[in-house]
């Protein structure tokens, strides 16, 4: 059933089931195991959350720096991320 789901799709399905019923169904858990296991899956969820938090933080920094007369290159030079860069 979850064969064509991307990792993001599996994460959304897993989180939705956990929020609704407190547990994921056996079919989803089986698919997670086939893709590397629950530990790897939970690591992907944690990484995804860190990236979202980092994007939110960078957006806040950009907003704070965006003032009339501020050059976009100044912003690019002063904001960086070790989480979002490969």
PDB file of N, CA and C in Angstrom:
ATOM      1  N   UNK A   1       0.801  -1.191   0.000  1.00  0.00           N
ATOM      2  CA  UNK A   1       0.000   0.000   0.000  1.00  0.00           C
ATOM      3  C   UNK A   1       0.851   1.264   0.000  1.00  0.00           C
ATOM      4  N   UNK A   2       1.934   1.286   0.753  1.00  0.00           N
ATOM      5  CA  UNK A   2       2.768   2.478   0.860  1.00  0.00           C
ATOM      6  C   UNK A   2       3.976   2.423  -0.073  1.00  0.00           C
ATOM      7  N   UNK A   3       3.943   1.552  -1.039  1.00  0.00           N
ATOM      8  CA  UNK A   3       5.072   1.324  -1.932  1.00  0.00           C
ATOM      9  C   UNK A   3       5.494   2.581  -2.677  1.00  0.00           C
ATOM     10  N   UNK A   4       4.542   3.362  -3.137  1.00  0.00           N
ATOM     11  CA  UNK A   4       4.867   4.542  -3.935  1.00  0.00           C
ATOM     12  C   UNK A   4       5.047   5.809  -3.095  1.00  0.00           C
ATOM     13  N   UNK A   5       4.953   5.707  -1.785  1.00  0.00           N
ATOM     14  CA  UNK A   5       5.132   6.860  -0.921  1.00  0.00           C
ATOM     15  C   UNK A   5       6.604   7.263  -0.879  1.00  0.00           C
ATOM     16  N   UNK A   6       6.855   8.557  -0.928  1.00  0.00           N
ATOM     17  CA  UNK A   6       8.202   9.064  -0.701  1.00  0.00           C
ATOM     18  C   UNK A   6       8.478   8.991   0.799  1.00  0.00           C
ATOM     19  N   UNK A   7       9.710   9.281   1.198  1.00  0.00           N
ATOM     20  CA  UNK A   7      10.013   9.314   2.623  1.00  0.00           C
ATOM     21  C   UNK A   7       9.134  10.349   3.327  1.00  0.00           C
ATOM     22  N   UNK A   8       8.947  11.501   2.693  1.00  0.00           N
ATOM     23  CA  UNK A   8       8.090  12.530   3.284  1.00  0.00           C
ATOM     24  C   UNK A   8       6.655  12.034   3.422  1.00  0.00           C
ATOM     25  N   UNK A   9       6.183  11.302   2.431  1.00  0.00           N
ATOM     26  CA  UNK A   9       4.835  10.743   2.488  1.00  0.00           C
ATOM     27  C   UNK A   9       4.685   9.739   3.618  1.00  0.00           C
ATOM     28  N   UNK A  10       5.712   8.899   3.797  1.00  0.00           N
ATOM     29  CA  UNK A  10       5.681   7.933   4.907  1.00  0.00           C
ATOM     30  C   UNK A  10       5.694   8.650   6.252  1.00  0.00           C
ATOM     31  N   UNK A  11       6.493   9.692   6.351  1.00  0.00           N
ATOM     32  CA  UNK A  11       6.563  10.453   7.603  1.00  0.00           C
ATOM     33  C   UNK A  11       5.210  11.078   7.914  1.00  0.00           C
ATOM     34  N   UNK A  12       4.583  11.678   6.912  1.00  0.00           N
ATOM     35  CA  UNK A  12       3.273  12.294   7.127  1.00  0.00           C
ATOM     36  C   UNK A  12       2.235  11.252   7.535  1.00  0.00           C
ATOM     37  N   UNK A  13       2.253  10.096   6.871  1.00  0.00           N
ATOM     38  CA  UNK A  13       1.307   9.029   7.211  1.00  0.00           C
ATOM     39  C   UNK A  13       1.554   8.526   8.634  1.00  0.00           C
ATOM     40  N   UNK A  14       2.811   8.333   8.976  1.00  0.00           N
ATOM     41  CA  UNK A  14       3.175   7.850  10.316  1.00  0.00           C
ATOM     42  C   UNK A  14       2.732   8.842  11.385  1.00  0.00           C
ATOM     43  N   UNK A  15       3.066  10.107  11.189  1.00  0.00           N
ATOM     44  CA  UNK A  15       2.708  11.124  12.183  1.00  0.00           C
ATOM     45  C   UNK A  15       1.196  11.286  12.307  1.00  0.00           C
ATOM     46  N   UNK A  16       0.498  11.185  11.186  1.00  0.00           N
ATOM     47  CA  UNK A  16      -0.953  11.293  11.210  1.00  0.00           C
ATOM     48  C   UNK A  16      -1.575  10.151  12.015  1.00  0.00           C
ATOM     49  N   UNK A  17      -1.086   8.935  11.771  1.00  0.00           N
ATOM     50  CA  UNK A  17      -1.596   7.782  12.511  1.00  0.00           C
ATOM     51  C   UNK A  17      -1.277   7.887  13.996  1.00  0.00           C
ATOM     52  N   UNK A  18      -0.056   8.314  14.319  1.00  0.00           N
ATOM     53  CA  UNK A  18       0.345   8.456  15.721  1.00  0.00           C
ATOM     54  C   UNK A  18      -0.519   9.512  16.419  1.00  0.00           C
ATOM     55  N   UNK A  19      -0.806  10.603  15.723  1.00  0.00           N
ATOM     56  CA  UNK A  19      -1.634  11.664  16.309  1.00  0.00           C
ATOM     57  C   UNK A  19      -3.074  11.192  16.504  1.00  0.00           C
ATOM     58  N   UNK A  20      -3.581  10.423  15.544  1.00  0.00           N
ATOM     59  CA  UNK A  20      -4.985  10.012  15.571  1.00  0.00           C
ATOM     60  C   UNK A  20      -5.239   8.847  16.515  1.00  0.00           C
ATOM     61  N   UNK A  21      -4.460   7.783  16.364  1.00  0.00           N
ATOM     62  CA  UNK A  21      -4.751   6.574  17.138  1.00  0.00           C
ATOM     63  C   UNK A  21      -3.655   6.203  18.144  1.00  0.00           C
ATOM     64  N   UNK A  22      -2.543   6.899  18.088  1.00  0.00           N
ATOM     65  CA  UNK A  22      -1.458   6.588  19.012  1.00  0.00           C
ATOM     66  C   UNK A  22      -0.485   5.551  18.498  1.00  0.00           C
ATOM     67  N   UNK A  23      -0.805   4.942  17.367  1.00  0.00           N
ATOM     68  CA  UNK A  23       0.101   3.929  16.797  1.00  0.00           C
ATOM     69  C   UNK A  23      -0.081   3.851  15.292  1.00  0.00           C
ATOM     70  N   UNK A  24       0.964   3.369  14.628  1.00  0.00           N
ATOM     71  CA  UNK A  24       0.916   3.169  13.181  1.00  0.00           C
ATOM     72  C   UNK A  24       0.446   1.753  12.890  1.00  0.00           C
ATOM     73  N   UNK A  25      -0.177   1.582  11.729  1.00  0.00           N
ATOM     74  CA  UNK A  25      -0.665   0.231  11.395  1.00  0.00           C
ATOM     75  C   UNK A  25       0.482  -0.673  10.930  1.00  0.00           C
ATOM     76  N   UNK A  26       0.219  -1.957  10.926  1.00  0.00           N
ATOM     77  CA  UNK A  26       1.247  -2.961  10.617  1.00  0.00           C
ATOM     78  C   UNK A  26       1.809  -2.797   9.213  1.00  0.00           C
ATOM     79  N   UNK A  27       0.973  -2.420   8.257  1.00  0.00           N
ATOM     80  CA  UNK A  27       1.437  -2.268   6.875  1.00  0.00           C
ATOM     81  C   UNK A  27       2.459  -1.144   6.772  1.00  0.00           C
ATOM     82  N   UNK A  28       2.184  -0.040   7.427  1.00  0.00           N
ATOM     83  CA  UNK A  28       3.117   1.086   7.414  1.00  0.00           C
ATOM     84  C   UNK A  28       4.414   0.714   8.132  1.00  0.00           C
ATOM     85  N   UNK A  29       4.301   0.069   9.271  1.00  0.00           N
ATOM     86  CA  UNK A  29       5.499  -0.339  10.008  1.00  0.00           C
ATOM     87  C   UNK A  29       6.355  -1.311   9.198  1.00  0.00           C
ATOM     88  N   UNK A  30       5.710  -2.186   8.459  1.00  0.00           N
ATOM     89  CA  UNK A  30       6.440  -3.125   7.594  1.00  0.00           C
ATOM     90  C   UNK A  30       7.211  -2.370   6.516  1.00  0.00           C
ATOM     91  N   UNK A  31       6.572  -1.362   5.924  1.00  0.00           N
ATOM     92  CA  UNK A  31       7.232  -0.572   4.884  1.00  0.00           C
ATOM     93  C   UNK A  31       8.420   0.197   5.459  1.00  0.00           C
ATOM     94  N   UNK A  32       8.253   0.715   6.661  1.00  0.00           N
ATOM     95  CA  UNK A  32       9.353   1.428   7.323  1.00  0.00           C
ATOM     96  C   UNK A  32      10.522   0.478   7.550  1.00  0.00           C
ATOM     97  N   UNK A  33      10.246  -0.742   7.996  1.00  0.00           N
ATOM     98  CA  UNK A  33      11.306  -1.731   8.209  1.00  0.00           C
ATOM     99  C   UNK A  33      12.032  -2.055   6.909  1.00  0.00           C
ATOM    100  N   UNK A  34      11.284  -2.165   5.814  1.00  0.00           N
ATOM    101  CA  UNK A  34      11.901  -2.482   4.517  1.00  0.00           C
ATOM    102  C   UNK A  34      12.786  -1.346   4.009  1.00  0.00           C
ATOM    103  N   UNK A  35      12.534  -0.144   4.480  1.00  0.00           N
ATOM    104  CA  UNK A  35      13.326   1.017   4.053  1.00  0.00           C
ATOM    105  C   UNK A  35      14.461   1.358   5.012  1.00  0.00           C
ATOM    106  N   UNK A  36      14.811   0.451   5.880  1.00  0.00           N
ATOM    107  CA  UNK A  36      15.963   0.683   6.735  1.00  0.00           C
ATOM    108  C   UNK A  36      15.695   0.579   8.221  1.00  0.00           C
ATOM    109  N   UNK A  37      14.458   0.418   8.601  1.00  0.00           N
ATOM    110  CA  UNK A  37      14.136   0.217  10.006  1.00  0.00           C
ATOM    111  C   UNK A  37      13.650   1.473  10.705  1.00  0.00           C
ATOM    112  N   UNK A  38      13.108   1.254  11.887  1.00  0.00           N
ATOM    113  CA  UNK A  38      12.495   2.332  12.658  1.00  0.00           C
ATOM    114  C   UNK A  38      13.523   3.359  13.122  1.00  0.00           C
ATOM    115  N   UNK A  39      14.715   2.920  13.522  1.00  0.00           N
ATOM    116  CA  UNK A  39      15.725   3.878  13.984  1.00  0.00           C
ATOM    117  C   UNK A  39      16.099   4.867  12.882  1.00  0.00           C
ATOM    118  N   UNK A  40      16.330   4.373  11.694  1.00  0.00           N
ATOM    119  CA  UNK A  40      16.655   5.250  10.566  1.00  0.00           C
ATOM    120  C   UNK A  40      15.483   6.168  10.262  1.00  0.00           C
ATOM    121  N   UNK A  41      14.292   5.638  10.310  1.00  0.00           N
ATOM    122  CA  UNK A  41      13.088   6.415  10.046  1.00  0.00           C
ATOM    123  C   UNK A  41      12.936   7.559  11.061  1.00  0.00           C
ATOM    124  N   UNK A  42      13.137   7.244  12.335  1.00  0.00           N
ATOM    125  CA  UNK A  42      13.033   8.271  13.371  1.00  0.00           C
ATOM    126  C   UNK A  42      14.141   9.314  13.239  1.00  0.00           C
ATOM    127  N   UNK A  43      15.311   8.898  12.781  1.00  0.00           N
ATOM    128  CA  UNK A  43      16.399   9.853  12.508  1.00  0.00           C
ATOM    129  C   UNK A  43      15.997  10.812  11.386  1.00  0.00           C
ATOM    130  N   UNK A  44      15.340  10.280  10.356  1.00  0.00           N
ATOM    131  CA  UNK A  44      14.871  11.131   9.254  1.00  0.00           C
ATOM    132  C   UNK A  44      13.850  12.148   9.753  1.00  0.00           C
ATOM    133  N   UNK A  45      12.961  11.716  10.634  1.00  0.00           N
ATOM    134  CA  UNK A  45      11.962  12.630  11.197  1.00  0.00           C
ATOM    135  C   UNK A  45      12.664  13.732  11.993  1.00  0.00           C
ATOM    136  N   UNK A  46      13.640  13.361  12.811  1.00  0.00           N
ATOM    137  CA  UNK A  46      14.367  14.340  13.620  1.00  0.00           C
ATOM    138  C   UNK A  46      15.125  15.323  12.736  1.00  0.00           C
ATOM    139  N   UNK A  47      15.752  14.825  11.676  1.00  0.00           N
ATOM    140  CA  UNK A  47      16.477  15.686  10.746  1.00  0.00           C
ATOM    141  C   UNK A  47      15.527  16.650  10.055  1.00  0.00           C
ATOM    142  N   UNK A  48      14.386  16.141   9.639  1.00  0.00           N
ATOM    143  CA  UNK A  48      13.389  16.983   8.983  1.00  0.00           C
ATOM    144  C   UNK A  48      12.919  18.102   9.921  1.00  0.00           C
ATOM    145  N   UNK A  49      12.705  17.783  11.180  1.00  0.00           N
ATOM    146  CA  UNK A  49      12.272  18.791  12.157  1.00  0.00           C
ATOM    147  C   UNK A  49      13.362  19.837  12.374  1.00  0.00           C
ATOM    148  N   UNK A  50      14.632  19.397  12.456  1.00  0.00           N
ATOM    149  CA  UNK A  50      15.739  20.339  12.624  1.00  0.00           C
ATOM    150  C   UNK A  50      15.813  21.298  11.448  1.00  0.00           C
ATOM    151  N   UNK A  51      15.616  20.765  10.236  1.00  0.00           N
ATOM    152  CA  UNK A  51      15.671  21.609   9.044  1.00  0.00           C
ATOM    153  C   UNK A  51      14.545  22.645   9.057  1.00  0.00           C
ATOM    154  N   UNK A  52      13.355  22.229   9.458  1.00  0.00           N
ATOM    155  CA  UNK A  52      12.232  23.171   9.527  1.00  0.00           C
ATOM    156  C   UNK A  52      12.506  24.265  10.547  1.00  0.00           C
ATOM    157  N   UNK A  53      13.055  23.892  11.698  1.00  0.00           N
ATOM    158  CA  UNK A  53      13.394  24.876  12.726  1.00  0.00           C
ATOM    159  C   UNK A  53      14.461  25.842  12.218  1.00  0.00           C
ATOM    160  N   UNK A  54      15.438  25.326  11.497  1.00  0.00           N
ATOM    161  CA  UNK A  54      16.510  26.161  10.953  1.00  0.00           C
ATOM    162  C   UNK A  54      15.962  27.133   9.912  1.00  0.00           C
ATOM    163  N   UNK A  55      15.082  26.661   9.060  1.00  0.00           N
ATOM    164  CA  UNK A  55      14.463  27.536   8.057  1.00  0.00           C
ATOM    165  C   UNK A  55      13.678  28.645   8.739  1.00  0.00           C
ATOM    166  N   UNK A  56      12.950  28.299   9.778  1.00  0.00           N
ATOM    167  CA  UNK A  56      12.183  29.296  10.533  1.00  0.00           C
ATOM    168  C   UNK A  56      13.125  30.333  11.160  1.00  0.00           C
ATOM    169  N   UNK A  57      14.231  29.879  11.722  1.00  0.00           N
ATOM    170  CA  UNK A  57      15.187  30.787  12.356  1.00  0.00           C
ATOM    171  C   UNK A  57      15.835  31.709  11.327  1.00  0.00           C
ATOM    172  N   UNK A  58      16.224  31.153  10.186  1.00  0.00           N
ATOM    173  CA  UNK A  58      16.835  31.962   9.133  1.00  0.00           C
ATOM    174  C   UNK A  58      15.837  32.979   8.599  1.00  0.00           C
ATOM    175  N   UNK A  59      14.598  32.570   8.435  1.00  0.00           N
ATOM    176  CA  UNK A  59      13.563  33.501   7.974  1.00  0.00           C
ATOM    177  C   UNK A  59      13.430  34.680   8.938  1.00  0.00           C
ATOM    178  N   UNK A  60      13.481  34.385  10.224  1.00  0.00           N
ATOM    179  CA  UNK A  60      13.415  35.436  11.231  1.00  0.00           C
ATOM    180  C   UNK A  60      14.602  36.379  11.144  1.00  0.00           C
ATOM    181  N   UNK A  61      15.794  35.824  10.931  1.00  0.00           N
ATOM    182  CA  UNK A  61      16.988  36.653  10.791  1.00  0.00           C
ATOM    183  C   UNK A  61      16.900  37.543   9.550  1.00  0.00           C
ATOM    184  N   UNK A  62      16.451  36.962   8.457  1.00  0.00           N
ATOM    185  CA  UNK A  62      16.318  37.740   7.220  1.00  0.00           C
ATOM    186  C   UNK A  62      15.307  38.861   7.413  1.00  0.00           C
ATOM    187  N   UNK A  63      14.197  38.545   8.055  1.00  0.00           N
ATOM    188  CA  UNK A  63      13.176  39.564   8.298  1.00  0.00           C
ATOM    189  C   UNK A  63      13.752  40.705   9.138  1.00  0.00           C
ATOM    190  N   UNK A  64      14.520  40.346  10.171  1.00  0.00           N
ATOM    191  CA  UNK A  64      15.110  41.362  11.045  1.00  0.00           C
ATOM    192  C   UNK A  64      16.123  42.227  10.303  1.00  0.00           C
ATOM    193  N   UNK A  65      16.819  41.642   9.334  1.00  0.00           N
ATOM    194  CA  UNK A  65      17.836  42.392   8.586  1.00  0.00           C
ATOM    195  C   UNK A  65      17.271  43.154   7.393  1.00  0.00           C
ATOM    196  N   UNK A  66      16.055  42.812   6.991  1.00  0.00           N
ATOM    197  CA  UNK A  66      15.483  43.431   5.804  1.00  0.00           C
ATOM    198  C   UNK A  66      14.944  44.814   6.169  1.00  0.00           C
ATOM    199  N   UNK A  67      15.745  45.795   5.826  1.00  0.00           N
ATOM    200  CA  UNK A  67      15.385  47.187   6.067  1.00  0.00           C
ATOM    201  C   UNK A  67      15.709  47.956   4.799  1.00  0.00           C
ATOM    202  N   UNK A  68      15.065  49.074   4.612  1.00  0.00           N
ATOM    203  CA  UNK A  68      15.397  49.880   3.431  1.00  0.00           C
ATOM    204  C   UNK A  68      16.896  50.181   3.388  1.00  0.00           C
ATOM    205  N   UNK A  69      17.473  49.966   2.246  1.00  0.00           N
ATOM    206  CA  UNK A  69      18.889  50.250   2.054  1.00  0.00           C
ATOM    207  C   UNK A  69      19.816  49.084   2.329  1.00  0.00           C
ATOM    208  N   UNK A  70      19.306  47.982   2.870  1.00  0.00           N
ATOM    209  CA  UNK A  70      20.157  46.812   3.131  1.00  0.00           C
ATOM    210  C   UNK A  70      20.297  46.025   1.832  1.00  0.00           C
ATOM    211  N   UNK A  71      21.515  45.751   1.468  1.00  0.00           N
ATOM    212  CA  UNK A  71      21.831  45.018   0.247  1.00  0.00           C
ATOM    213  C   UNK A  71      21.629  43.521   0.488  1.00  0.00           C
ATOM    214  N   UNK A  72      21.025  42.832  -0.462  1.00  0.00           N
ATOM    215  CA  UNK A  72      20.779  41.387  -0.349  1.00  0.00           C
ATOM    216  C   UNK A  72      22.085  40.614  -0.178  1.00  0.00           C
ATOM    217  N   UNK A  73      23.161  41.091  -0.778  1.00  0.00           N
ATOM    218  CA  UNK A  73      24.456  40.421  -0.619  1.00  0.00           C
ATOM    219  C   UNK A  73      24.942  40.503   0.827  1.00  0.00           C
ATOM    220  N   UNK A  74      24.636  41.603   1.512  1.00  0.00           N
ATOM    221  CA  UNK A  74      24.980  41.727   2.930  1.00  0.00           C
ATOM    222  C   UNK A  74      24.295  40.627   3.728  1.00  0.00           C
ATOM    223  N   UNK A  75      23.030  40.408   3.440  1.00  0.00           N
ATOM    224  CA  UNK A  75      22.270  39.368   4.141  1.00  0.00           C
ATOM    225  C   UNK A  75      22.858  37.990   3.835  1.00  0.00           C
ATOM    226  N   UNK A  76      23.150  37.729   2.576  1.00  0.00           N
ATOM    227  CA  UNK A  76      23.713  36.429   2.190  1.00  0.00           C
ATOM    228  C   UNK A  76      25.050  36.175   2.876  1.00  0.00           C
ATOM    229  N   UNK A  77      25.848  37.244   3.034  1.00  0.00           N
ATOM    230  CA  UNK A  77      27.169  37.102   3.652  1.00  0.00           C
ATOM    231  C   UNK A  77      27.098  36.898   5.161  1.00  0.00           C
ATOM    232  N   UNK A  78      26.002  37.317   5.799  1.00  0.00           N
ATOM    233  CA  UNK A  78      25.930  37.280   7.248  1.00  0.00           C
ATOM    234  C   UNK A  78      25.011  36.209   7.823  1.00  0.00           C
ATOM    235  N   UNK A  79      24.361  35.454   6.995  1.00  0.00           N
ATOM    236  CA  UNK A  79      23.507  34.375   7.471  1.00  0.00           C
ATOM    237  C   UNK A  79      23.953  33.081   6.809  1.00  0.00           C
ATOM    238  N   UNK A  80      24.209  32.090   7.634  1.00  0.00           N
ATOM    239  CA  UNK A  80      24.614  30.797   7.096  1.00  0.00           C
ATOM    240  C   UNK A  80      23.998  29.697   7.957  1.00  0.00           C
ATOM    241  N   UNK A  81      24.065  28.480   7.457  1.00  0.00           N
ATOM    242  CA  UNK A  81      23.510  27.349   8.171  1.00  0.00           C
ATOM    243  C   UNK A  81      24.376  26.126   7.964  1.00  0.00           C
ATOM    244  N   UNK A  82      24.711  25.470   9.040  1.00  0.00           N
ATOM    245  CA  UNK A  82      25.428  24.201   8.929  1.00  0.00           C
ATOM    246  C   UNK A  82      24.440  23.046   8.794  1.00  0.00           C
ATOM    247  N   UNK A  83      23.177  23.296   9.142  1.00  0.00           N
ATOM    248  CA  UNK A  83      22.155  22.251   9.060  1.00  0.00           C
ATOM    249  C   UNK A  83      21.647  22.087   7.639  1.00  0.00           C
ATOM    250  N   UNK A  84      21.485  23.203   6.926  1.00  0.00           N
ATOM    251  CA  UNK A  84      20.896  23.143   5.587  1.00  0.00           C
ATOM    252  C   UNK A  84      21.904  22.962   4.470  1.00  0.00           C
ATOM    253  N   UNK A  85      23.194  23.105   4.769  1.00  0.00           N
ATOM    254  CA  UNK A  85      24.201  22.915   3.739  1.00  0.00           C
ATOM    255  C   UNK A  85      24.703  21.480   3.775  1.00  0.00           C
ATOM    256  N   UNK A  86      24.879  20.888   2.603  1.00  0.00           N
ATOM    257  CA  UNK A  86      25.312  19.476   2.573  1.00  0.00           C
ATOM    258  C   UNK A  86      26.717  19.264   3.075  1.00  0.00           C
TER     259      UNK A  86
END
